[in-house]
Amino acid sequence: MSSSFQAPKGVSEYVPPRADLFAAIRSAFAEQARLAGYGYLELAVFEDTNLFRRGVGESTDVVSKEMYTFEDRGGRSLTLRPEFTATVLRAVLEHNLHKQGALPVKVWTTGPAFRAERPQQGRYRQFYQLDLEAIGTEDPRVDAETIALAARWYASLGLTQVRLLLNSLGCRECRPGYRTLLQEFLRGLDLDEATRARIEINPLRVLDDKRPAVQAQLTGAPLMADHLCAACQEHHDRVRELLADLGIAWEDTPRLVRGLDYYTRTTYEFDHPLLGAQSGIGGGGRYDGLAEDIGGPALPGIGFGLGLDRTILALEAENAGFEAAPRCEVFGVPLGAEAERRLFALADELRRAGIAADTAFGGKKLKGAMKDADRSGARFAVILGERDLAAGEAQLKELATGDQTAVPLTDLTSTLRERLSR
């Protein structure tokens, strides 16, 4: 009988074998980050609410509609993190990581984030991200490095249909003039009252409105790409040149606007066409004024958030073939108390040798134990009974073919290592 309790609506949970895939793709990312010199952070799940109000932006849907905010026992307003960048930057500043070595500070983290959205496929109230940030330099090579790292990770998983969409949102020097032009254009459209209010606060957010009725009116809207200052244009050209050097394809997307206010210059998104309305599987960009916005020194930065939930959906949609390492390669089937003792020790020996091993528990008969072996996904079963013990050997059975041979107990580990390597 199942429990009467269920996970809250909109929470993405993973159980085996899907959870094994979740862990495997996260580990694959950790290796990509390590190879590029990024250190790991373990961070708070909730923060002072003002961190997100000041860092993410009051006009964003995230802050105005979607945050899980509560008052603690001390009367402080706290919020479950809706994204990672502001939290990472807060931690870098609080722990003075920007003063402890060469810049940029290169870090990554992972875990759940929370937004009070309408749950649907690929959009959850508790969702999981991989976040990577490089803080302390404007060098366009760092922009290209972060993009390349994410692209290489997607490729390592076997995804072949991921598209990289690329844009520049300018800087605090050239964006004000563009902002005025965009506001003038938007004020002439037939928009609802809430959207009209957004025009006055952050008109770029209107370009991010996904409603067809709004998008249909945006044809002819001025583009940031046509109003970049010389420095931003040079930066954007250099990023594209570097990506070309690395053999990474992109699509110039002049209307691309990320959903958070802090983005400047390089802005990008990874898109997967098989996921329908929730096709964005990751993205990021530069945020050169965010450190000052949250009360820190001038520290330019760039980073990304990659959605683990949507990446798994993309893997399943493509049938990409990326698999987690097996949880069990060898399954012990003991027949009798002495065999249980010997196979229990053998499982430990195999694990120390790097072989995933398990064994039947609860004194099961041969038929029940073999059913457990089949369910485990193991390649081999080691069957050990009283006759085998007397002969100093065990029966090694390949579960896919049914082939069975006797192997001396002293040779079991070496024999299994050799056969598993084939």
Protein backbone atom coordinates (compact mmCIF):
# COMPACT_ATOMS: atom_id res chain seq x y z
CA MET A 1 0.00 0.00 0.00
CA SER A 2 1.44 3.37 -1.00
CA SER A 3 1.66 6.38 1.31
CA SER A 4 -1.14 8.94 1.27
CA PHE A 5 1.51 11.66 0.92
CA GLN A 6 2.76 12.92 -2.44
CA ALA A 7 5.41 15.38 -3.56
CA PRO A 8 4.10 18.94 -3.95
CA LYS A 9 2.72 19.81 -7.37
CA GLY A 10 5.35 20.93 -9.85
CA VAL A 11 8.34 19.25 -8.21
CA SER A 12 10.60 17.28 -10.54
CA GLU A 13 11.76 14.10 -8.79
CA TYR A 14 13.95 11.33 -10.16
CA VAL A 15 14.05 7.66 -9.19
CA PRO A 16 16.13 4.82 -10.71
CA PRO A 17 16.88 4.25 -13.52
CA ARG A 18 16.13 7.84 -14.61
CA ALA A 19 17.90 9.17 -11.53
CA ASP A 20 21.03 7.26 -12.57
CA LEU A 21 20.97 9.19 -15.86
CA PHE A 22 20.49 12.44 -13.93
CA ALA A 23 23.56 11.71 -11.80
CA ALA A 24 25.63 10.61 -14.80
CA ILE A 25 25.07 13.76 -16.86
CA ARG A 26 25.80 15.88 -13.80
CA SER A 27 29.08 13.99 -13.31
CA ALA A 28 29.93 14.45 -16.98
CA PHE A 29 29.52 18.21 -16.52
CA ALA A 30 31.68 18.18 -13.39
CA GLU A 31 34.49 16.67 -15.44
CA GLN A 32 34.14 19.29 -18.19
CA ALA A 33 34.27 22.05 -15.55
CA ARG A 34 37.31 20.50 -13.86
CA LEU A 35 39.21 20.27 -17.14
CA ALA A 36 38.62 24.01 -17.68
CA GLY A 37 39.79 24.99 -14.19
CA TYR A 38 36.42 25.68 -12.50
CA GLY A 39 36.12 24.98 -8.77
CA TYR A 40 32.96 23.71 -7.09
CA LEU A 41 30.72 25.74 -4.75
CA GLU A 42 28.07 24.39 -2.36
CA LEU A 43 25.68 27.24 -1.63
CA ALA A 44 22.63 28.34 0.34
CA VAL A 45 19.24 27.39 -1.06
CA PHE A 46 17.57 30.55 0.33
CA GLU A 47 18.80 34.14 0.41
CA ASP A 48 17.87 37.63 1.55
CA THR A 49 14.96 38.57 -0.73
CA ASN A 50 16.60 41.87 -1.64
CA LEU A 51 19.49 40.03 -3.30
CA PHE A 52 17.11 38.91 -6.05
CA ARG A 53 15.12 42.15 -6.15
CA ARG A 54 18.29 44.14 -6.75
CA GLY A 55 20.19 41.54 -8.74
CA VAL A 56 17.57 39.91 -10.96
CA GLY A 57 15.33 42.96 -11.41
CA GLU A 58 11.99 44.13 -10.04
CA SER A 59 10.38 44.12 -13.50
CA THR A 60 11.15 40.48 -14.30
CA ASP A 61 8.47 37.81 -14.05
CA VAL A 62 10.84 35.92 -11.75
CA VAL A 63 10.79 38.65 -9.08
CA SER A 64 7.31 40.08 -9.65
CA LYS A 65 5.39 36.79 -9.92
CA GLU A 66 7.40 33.64 -9.36
CA MET A 67 9.52 33.79 -6.19
CA TYR A 68 8.85 31.66 -3.12
CA THR A 69 9.28 34.31 -0.43
CA PHE A 70 8.65 33.87 3.28
CA GLU A 71 9.37 35.55 6.61
CA ASP A 72 11.56 33.67 9.07
CA ARG A 73 11.15 33.67 12.87
CA GLY A 74 13.31 36.76 13.13
CA GLY A 75 11.09 38.73 10.76
CA ARG A 76 13.59 38.60 7.89
CA SER A 77 12.30 38.24 4.32
CA LEU A 78 13.93 35.21 2.67
CA THR A 79 13.47 33.68 -0.77
CA LEU A 80 14.18 30.23 -2.15
CA ARG A 81 16.68 30.84 -4.94
CA PRO A 82 14.93 31.25 -8.30
CA GLU A 83 18.29 31.28 -10.15
CA PHE A 84 22.00 30.88 -9.34
CA THR A 85 24.02 33.83 -10.64
CA ALA A 86 23.10 36.33 -7.93
CA THR A 87 23.73 33.69 -5.25
CA VAL A 88 27.11 32.74 -6.72
CA LEU A 89 28.20 36.37 -6.98
CA ARG A 90 27.08 37.03 -3.40
CA ALA A 91 29.19 34.07 -2.23
CA VAL A 92 32.25 35.18 -4.23
CA LEU A 93 32.06 38.64 -2.66
CA GLU A 94 31.24 37.43 0.86
CA HIS A 95 34.14 34.97 0.92
CA ASN A 96 36.53 37.36 -0.89
CA LEU A 97 37.30 34.85 -3.61
CA HIS A 98 38.04 37.77 -5.94
CA LYS A 99 40.93 38.80 -3.66
CA GLN A 100 42.55 35.39 -3.24
CA GLY A 101 44.14 34.77 -6.61
CA ALA A 102 44.25 35.60 -10.27
CA LEU A 103 41.07 36.74 -11.95
CA PRO A 104 38.68 35.55 -13.18
CA VAL A 105 37.23 33.56 -10.30
CA LYS A 106 36.06 30.38 -12.07
CA VAL A 107 33.38 28.41 -10.19
CA TRP A 108 30.42 26.13 -10.78
CA THR A 109 27.57 24.75 -8.72
CA THR A 110 24.42 22.68 -9.06
CA GLY A 111 21.18 21.96 -7.26
CA PRO A 112 17.49 22.86 -7.20
CA ALA A 113 15.99 26.26 -7.90
CA PHE A 114 12.39 27.31 -7.29
CA ARG A 115 9.81 29.34 -9.21
CA ALA A 116 6.06 29.50 -8.62
CA GLU A 117 5.06 28.80 -12.22
CA ARG A 118 2.25 26.84 -13.82
CA PRO A 119 3.72 23.32 -14.03
CA GLN A 120 4.01 21.70 -17.45
CA GLN A 121 6.40 19.41 -19.30
CA GLY A 122 9.87 20.90 -18.91
CA ARG A 123 8.73 23.72 -16.60
CA TYR A 124 8.62 22.93 -12.90
CA ARG A 125 8.34 24.72 -9.58
CA GLN A 126 11.37 22.86 -8.27
CA PHE A 127 13.84 22.30 -11.07
CA TYR A 128 17.55 21.51 -11.34
CA GLN A 129 20.36 23.48 -12.94
CA LEU A 130 24.07 23.35 -13.58
CA ASP A 131 25.52 26.82 -13.11
CA LEU A 132 28.99 28.04 -14.13
CA GLU A 133 30.44 31.53 -13.69
CA ALA A 134 33.69 33.35 -14.55
CA ILE A 135 33.94 36.58 -12.53
CA GLY A 136 36.46 39.39 -12.79
CA THR A 137 37.31 39.94 -16.47
CA GLU A 138 35.82 41.39 -19.66
CA ASP A 139 38.06 39.22 -21.86
CA PRO A 140 35.92 37.87 -24.75
CA ARG A 141 37.92 34.63 -24.60
CA VAL A 142 36.14 33.86 -21.35
CA ASP A 143 32.79 34.38 -23.07
CA ALA A 144 33.81 31.88 -25.75
CA GLU A 145 35.18 29.48 -23.12
CA THR A 146 31.91 29.26 -21.21
CA ILE A 147 29.92 28.76 -24.40
CA ALA A 148 32.34 26.09 -25.60
CA LEU A 149 32.25 24.25 -22.29
CA ALA A 150 28.46 23.95 -22.41
CA ALA A 151 28.49 22.99 -26.09
CA ARG A 152 31.10 20.28 -25.48
CA TRP A 153 29.03 18.90 -22.61
CA TYR A 154 25.91 18.63 -24.74
CA ALA A 155 27.96 16.92 -27.46
CA SER A 156 29.52 14.50 -24.95
CA LEU A 157 26.01 13.35 -24.03
CA GLY A 158 25.32 12.46 -27.67
CA LEU A 159 22.93 15.35 -28.37
CA THR A 160 23.14 16.37 -32.03
CA GLN A 161 20.22 18.79 -32.48
CA VAL A 162 21.19 21.50 -29.99
CA ARG A 163 21.28 24.98 -31.54
CA LEU A 164 23.32 27.88 -30.13
CA LEU A 165 21.49 31.22 -30.43
CA LEU A 166 23.73 34.26 -29.97
CA ASN A 167 23.19 38.00 -29.48
CA SER A 168 24.69 41.07 -27.83
CA LEU A 169 22.63 43.30 -25.52
CA GLY A 170 25.16 46.14 -25.46
CA CYS A 171 26.38 47.90 -22.34
CA ARG A 172 25.39 50.75 -20.03
CA GLU A 173 26.91 53.20 -22.50
CA CYS A 174 25.03 52.25 -25.67
CA ARG A 175 21.86 50.66 -24.31
CA PRO A 176 20.15 53.88 -23.04
CA GLY A 177 19.91 55.32 -26.56
CA TYR A 178 18.56 52.05 -27.91
CA ARG A 179 16.17 51.83 -24.96
CA THR A 180 14.64 55.18 -25.91
CA LEU A 181 14.17 54.11 -29.55
CA LEU A 182 12.58 50.83 -28.48
CA GLN A 183 10.22 52.57 -26.07
CA GLU A 184 9.06 54.92 -28.81
CA PHE A 185 8.35 51.96 -31.08
CA LEU A 186 6.55 49.91 -28.40
CA ARG A 187 4.32 52.78 -27.27
CA GLY A 188 2.72 52.73 -30.69
CA LEU A 189 1.60 49.09 -30.41
CA ASP A 190 -1.72 47.64 -29.26
CA LEU A 191 -0.62 46.14 -25.92
CA ASP A 192 -2.34 45.37 -22.64
CA GLU A 193 -1.91 47.57 -19.60
CA ALA A 194 0.63 45.34 -17.84
CA THR A 195 2.84 45.19 -20.93
CA ARG A 196 2.58 48.95 -21.39
CA ALA A 197 3.82 49.38 -17.81
CA ARG A 198 6.75 47.13 -18.61
CA ILE A 199 7.73 49.37 -21.53
CA GLU A 200 8.53 52.15 -19.04
CA ILE A 201 10.47 49.89 -16.65
CA ASN A 202 12.43 47.59 -18.96
CA PRO A 203 11.35 47.62 -22.61
CA LEU A 204 13.75 44.82 -23.58
CA ARG A 205 11.56 42.47 -21.57
CA VAL A 206 8.72 43.10 -24.02
CA LEU A 207 10.88 41.51 -26.74
CA ASP A 208 10.96 38.37 -24.56
CA ASP A 209 7.14 38.14 -24.47
CA LYS A 210 6.23 34.76 -25.96
CA ARG A 211 2.57 35.54 -26.74
CA PRO A 212 1.92 35.33 -30.51
CA ALA A 213 -0.26 38.46 -30.43
CA VAL A 214 2.69 40.44 -29.06
CA GLN A 215 5.33 38.83 -31.25
CA ALA A 216 3.29 39.60 -34.37
CA GLN A 217 3.55 43.32 -33.60
CA LEU A 218 7.31 43.29 -32.99
CA THR A 219 8.23 43.00 -36.66
CA GLY A 220 10.18 46.14 -37.45
CA ALA A 221 11.20 46.81 -33.85
CA PRO A 222 14.67 48.39 -33.62
CA LEU A 223 17.43 45.87 -32.87
CA MET A 224 20.20 46.26 -30.31
CA ALA A 225 22.62 44.80 -32.86
CA ASP A 226 22.18 47.93 -34.99
CA HIS A 227 22.96 50.28 -32.10
CA LEU A 228 26.01 48.76 -30.40
CA CYS A 229 28.80 51.12 -29.43
CA ALA A 230 32.23 50.49 -30.98
CA ALA A 231 33.52 48.64 -27.91
CA CYS A 232 30.49 46.32 -27.73
CA GLN A 233 30.62 45.65 -31.47
CA GLU A 234 34.31 44.78 -31.22
CA HIS A 235 33.62 42.48 -28.25
CA HIS A 236 30.78 40.71 -30.06
CA ASP A 237 32.83 40.25 -33.24
CA ARG A 238 35.70 38.81 -31.22
CA VAL A 239 33.44 36.29 -29.44
CA ARG A 240 32.10 35.08 -32.78
CA GLU A 241 35.60 34.87 -34.21
CA LEU A 242 36.73 32.74 -31.26
CA LEU A 243 33.74 30.41 -31.57
CA ALA A 244 34.52 29.97 -35.26
CA ASP A 245 38.13 29.09 -34.34
CA LEU A 246 36.78 26.37 -32.04
CA GLY A 247 34.45 25.00 -34.70
CA ILE A 248 31.32 25.88 -32.71
CA ALA A 249 28.35 26.86 -34.87
CA TRP A 250 25.89 29.55 -33.78
CA GLU A 251 22.91 31.43 -35.13
CA ASP A 252 22.86 35.21 -34.84
CA THR A 253 19.54 35.95 -33.10
CA PRO A 254 19.09 39.73 -32.84
CA ARG A 255 15.80 39.48 -30.92
CA LEU A 256 17.19 37.15 -28.27
CA VAL A 257 16.56 38.61 -24.81
CA ARG A 258 17.11 36.52 -21.70
CA GLY A 259 14.49 36.74 -18.94
CA LEU A 260 16.69 38.44 -16.33
CA ASP A 261 17.61 42.12 -16.16
CA TYR A 262 21.32 41.84 -15.44
CA TYR A 263 22.51 40.67 -18.88
CA THR A 264 24.89 42.84 -20.92
CA ARG A 265 26.85 42.24 -24.11
CA THR A 266 27.19 38.51 -24.90
CA THR A 267 23.86 36.74 -24.47
CA TYR A 268 23.11 33.22 -25.64
CA GLU A 269 20.71 30.33 -25.42
CA PHE A 270 20.90 26.62 -26.22
CA ASP A 271 17.74 25.48 -27.96
CA HIS A 272 16.44 21.99 -28.74
CA PRO A 273 13.74 21.88 -31.45
CA LEU A 274 12.20 18.58 -30.30
CA LEU A 275 11.00 20.04 -26.99
CA GLY A 276 8.27 22.29 -28.36
CA ALA A 277 7.36 25.35 -26.31
CA GLN A 278 10.02 24.62 -23.67
CA SER A 279 12.85 24.33 -26.19
CA GLY A 280 15.39 26.38 -24.25
CA ILE A 281 17.59 23.86 -22.45
CA GLY A 282 20.22 26.29 -21.20
CA GLY A 283 21.65 29.74 -21.63
CA GLY A 284 23.54 32.61 -20.17
CA GLY A 285 25.53 35.70 -20.84
CA ARG A 286 27.56 38.56 -19.49
CA TYR A 287 26.50 40.64 -16.45
CA ASP A 288 29.12 43.34 -16.09
CA GLY A 289 27.19 45.59 -13.69
CA LEU A 290 25.65 43.00 -11.38
CA ALA A 291 28.35 43.13 -8.70
CA GLU A 292 27.78 46.86 -8.23
CA ASP A 293 24.00 46.36 -8.22
CA ILE A 294 24.25 44.12 -5.15
CA GLY A 295 26.67 46.43 -3.32
CA GLY A 296 30.03 45.03 -4.40
CA PRO A 297 32.97 46.39 -6.39
CA ALA A 298 33.07 46.53 -10.18
CA LEU A 299 33.53 42.88 -11.21
CA PRO A 300 32.50 41.97 -14.74
CA GLY A 301 31.32 38.42 -15.18
CA ILE A 302 29.79 35.86 -17.47
CA GLY A 303 28.12 32.52 -16.87
CA PHE A 304 25.28 30.19 -17.70
CA GLY A 305 22.58 27.98 -16.27
CA LEU A 306 21.87 24.64 -17.97
CA GLY A 307 18.62 22.85 -17.20
CA LEU A 308 19.13 19.26 -16.08
CA ASP A 309 15.43 18.46 -16.42
CA ARG A 310 15.22 19.66 -20.01
CA THR A 311 18.54 18.06 -20.92
CA ILE A 312 17.14 14.70 -19.87
CA LEU A 313 14.01 15.39 -21.93
CA ALA A 314 16.24 16.22 -24.91
CA LEU A 315 18.22 13.00 -24.46
CA GLU A 316 14.98 11.03 -24.41
CA ALA A 317 13.57 12.92 -27.39
CA GLU A 318 16.68 12.21 -29.46
CA ASN A 319 17.15 8.71 -28.05
CA ALA A 320 20.75 9.85 -27.80
CA GLY A 321 22.12 6.67 -26.27
CA PHE A 322 23.98 8.25 -23.35
CA GLU A 323 23.80 5.82 -20.46
CA ALA A 324 24.73 5.90 -16.81
CA ALA A 325 27.36 3.48 -15.55
CA PRO A 326 25.62 0.24 -14.48
CA ARG A 327 24.60 0.02 -10.84
CA CYS A 328 25.27 -3.70 -10.95
CA GLU A 329 27.61 -5.72 -13.16
CA VAL A 330 27.90 -8.87 -11.05
CA PHE A 331 25.13 -10.38 -8.90
CA GLY A 332 25.82 -13.00 -6.25
CA VAL A 333 23.35 -15.89 -5.82
CA PRO A 334 24.18 -17.66 -2.54
CA LEU A 335 22.62 -21.03 -1.63
CA GLY A 336 23.16 -21.58 2.07
CA ALA A 337 24.67 -19.71 5.02
CA GLU A 338 28.34 -20.33 4.13
CA ALA A 339 27.73 -19.24 0.52
CA GLU A 340 26.08 -16.04 1.80
CA ARG A 341 29.18 -15.26 3.85
CA ARG A 342 31.57 -15.95 0.96
CA LEU A 343 29.59 -13.98 -1.64
CA PHE A 344 29.11 -11.07 0.75
CA ALA A 345 32.91 -10.85 1.02
CA LEU A 346 33.28 -11.32 -2.75
CA ALA A 347 30.93 -8.39 -3.44
CA ASP A 348 33.12 -6.18 -1.26
CA GLU A 349 36.26 -7.39 -3.04
CA LEU A 350 34.74 -6.67 -6.46
CA ARG A 351 33.67 -3.17 -5.40
CA ARG A 352 37.20 -2.43 -4.22
CA ALA A 353 38.36 -3.56 -7.66
CA GLY A 354 36.00 -1.06 -9.31
CA ILE A 355 33.31 -3.56 -10.30
CA ALA A 356 29.67 -2.83 -9.38
CA ALA A 357 28.42 -5.84 -7.41
CA ASP A 358 25.35 -6.84 -5.44
CA THR A 359 23.97 -10.01 -3.92
CA ALA A 360 20.65 -11.59 -3.04
CA PHE A 361 19.42 -10.97 0.51
CA GLY A 362 16.88 -12.63 2.75
CA GLY A 363 17.84 -16.31 2.24
CA LYS A 364 16.06 -16.64 -1.12
CA LYS A 365 15.92 -19.89 -3.03
CA LEU A 366 17.64 -20.21 -6.43
CA LYS A 367 14.59 -19.17 -8.49
CA GLY A 368 13.92 -16.01 -6.48
CA ALA A 369 17.58 -15.05 -6.33
CA MET A 370 17.94 -15.45 -10.12
CA LYS A 371 14.90 -13.19 -10.62
CA ASP A 372 16.70 -10.59 -8.53
CA ALA A 373 19.80 -11.06 -10.69
CA ASP A 374 17.79 -10.43 -13.87
CA ARG A 375 16.16 -7.32 -12.37
CA SER A 376 19.53 -5.91 -11.29
CA GLY A 377 20.71 -5.47 -14.87
CA ALA A 378 23.93 -7.37 -14.12
CA ARG A 379 25.90 -9.02 -16.91
CA PHE A 380 26.98 -11.96 -14.74
CA ALA A 381 25.58 -13.97 -11.87
CA VAL A 382 27.89 -15.84 -9.50
CA ILE A 383 26.05 -18.89 -8.16
CA LEU A 384 27.53 -20.55 -5.10
CA GLY A 385 26.13 -23.65 -3.39
CA GLU A 386 27.42 -26.39 -1.05
CA ARG A 387 28.84 -28.54 -3.90
CA ASP A 388 30.62 -25.52 -5.36
CA LEU A 389 32.15 -24.69 -1.99
CA ALA A 390 33.36 -28.26 -1.61
CA ALA A 391 34.95 -28.06 -5.07
CA GLY A 392 36.49 -24.63 -4.37
CA GLU A 393 34.68 -23.04 -7.31
CA ALA A 394 31.57 -21.03 -8.28
CA GLN A 395 29.25 -21.09 -11.27
CA LEU A 396 29.67 -17.98 -13.43
CA LYS A 397 26.61 -17.36 -15.60
CA GLU A 398 26.34 -14.78 -18.37
CA LEU A 399 22.75 -13.63 -17.98
CA ALA A 400 22.18 -12.47 -21.58
CA THR A 401 23.20 -15.80 -23.14
CA GLY A 402 22.69 -18.28 -20.32
CA ASP A 403 26.25 -19.61 -20.75
CA GLN A 404 27.56 -20.99 -17.47
CA THR A 405 31.05 -22.12 -16.50
CA ALA A 406 32.78 -23.19 -13.28
CA VAL A 407 35.51 -20.81 -12.09
CA PRO A 408 37.88 -21.37 -9.13
CA LEU A 409 36.96 -19.14 -6.22
CA THR A 410 40.50 -17.78 -6.13
CA ASP A 411 40.20 -16.62 -9.75
CA LEU A 412 36.74 -15.04 -9.62
CA THR A 413 37.79 -11.39 -9.37
CA SER A 414 40.41 -11.59 -12.12
CA THR A 415 38.09 -13.61 -14.37
CA LEU A 416 35.23 -11.14 -13.93
CA ARG A 417 37.52 -8.17 -14.56
CA GLU A 418 38.75 -9.77 -17.78
CA ARG A 419 35.27 -10.72 -19.05
CA LEU A 420 33.72 -7.35 -18.19
CA SER A 421 36.44 -5.58 -20.15
CA ARG A 422 35.54 -7.38 -23.39
